[in-house]
Protein backbone atom coordinates (compact mmCIF):
# COMPACT_ATOMS: atom_id res chain seq x y z
CA UNK A 1 0.00 0.00 0.00
CA UNK A 2 2.88 2.39 0.67
CA UNK A 3 2.66 5.72 2.44
CA UNK A 4 -0.79 7.08 3.18
CA UNK A 5 -1.66 10.51 4.51
CA UNK A 6 -4.77 11.04 6.65
CA UNK A 7 -6.21 14.11 8.31
CA UNK A 8 -6.37 13.75 12.08
CA UNK A 9 -8.87 16.12 13.66
CA UNK A 10 -11.03 16.38 16.78
CA UNK A 11 -13.26 13.52 15.58
CA UNK A 12 -10.38 11.04 15.25
CA UNK A 13 -10.68 8.46 18.04
CA UNK A 14 -7.74 6.17 17.35
CA UNK A 15 -5.08 5.12 14.86
CA UNK A 16 -4.24 1.48 14.19
CA UNK A 17 -0.93 0.48 12.63
CA UNK A 18 -0.96 -3.26 11.97
CA UNK A 19 0.90 -5.86 9.97
CA UNK A 20 -0.56 -7.64 6.96
CA UNK A 21 -1.39 -10.63 9.17
CA UNK A 22 -4.11 -8.55 10.83
CA UNK A 23 -5.54 -6.98 7.67
CA UNK A 24 -5.57 -10.29 5.78
CA UNK A 25 -7.93 -11.79 8.36
CA UNK A 26 -10.00 -8.78 9.39
CA UNK A 27 -11.59 -5.86 7.59
CA UNK A 28 -11.46 -2.22 8.64
CA UNK A 29 -15.00 -2.15 10.03
CA UNK A 30 -14.50 -5.37 11.94
CA UNK A 31 -11.37 -3.96 13.61
CA UNK A 32 -13.10 -0.68 14.47
CA UNK A 33 -16.11 -2.52 15.91
CA UNK A 34 -13.79 -4.68 18.01
CA UNK A 35 -11.79 -1.77 19.43
CA UNK A 36 -14.14 1.22 19.57
CA UNK A 37 -15.14 0.65 23.22
CA UNK A 38 -11.69 -0.38 24.50
CA UNK A 39 -10.02 2.74 25.88
CA UNK A 40 -6.62 1.30 26.81
CA UNK A 41 -4.26 1.13 23.77
CA UNK A 42 -2.28 -1.83 25.17
CA UNK A 43 -5.43 -3.83 25.76
CA UNK A 44 -6.67 -2.88 22.27
CA UNK A 45 -3.47 -4.07 20.61
CA UNK A 46 -3.50 -7.39 22.48
CA UNK A 47 -7.19 -7.93 21.72
CA UNK A 48 -6.62 -7.26 18.01
CA UNK A 49 -3.63 -9.64 17.76
CA UNK A 50 -5.49 -12.32 19.72
CA UNK A 51 -8.58 -12.02 17.50
CA UNK A 52 -6.50 -12.24 14.30
CA UNK A 53 -4.66 -15.29 15.69
CA UNK A 54 -8.01 -16.86 16.58
CA UNK A 55 -9.05 -16.45 12.94
CA UNK A 56 -6.05 -18.49 11.83
CA UNK A 57 -3.14 -16.09 11.28
CA UNK A 58 0.18 -17.17 12.77
CA UNK A 59 1.17 -14.98 15.70
CA UNK A 60 4.66 -14.81 14.16
CA UNK A 61 3.34 -12.38 11.54
CA UNK A 62 1.02 -10.37 13.77
CA UNK A 63 1.91 -7.00 15.19
CA UNK A 64 0.07 -3.78 15.81
CA UNK A 65 0.17 -0.43 17.54
CA UNK A 66 -3.00 1.31 18.70
CA UNK A 67 -2.85 5.05 19.40
CA UNK A 68 -5.84 6.58 21.24
CA UNK A 69 -6.62 10.28 20.84
CA UNK A 70 -8.38 12.01 23.71
């Protein structure tokens, strides 16, 4: 996909940076629905990796960073 530029404004709740292993098993809306009510970024990242692994992706190729905006 390369470099992507996005506007971050007052309505932006969080930013998710994840490896292909996450995006190959889960769609954007599914990820947002999973994380929208989880306020702690560490918990969100672990939940996302665990869910992707549960769907069959090897944990060796799963990584993510969740940044919450307040």
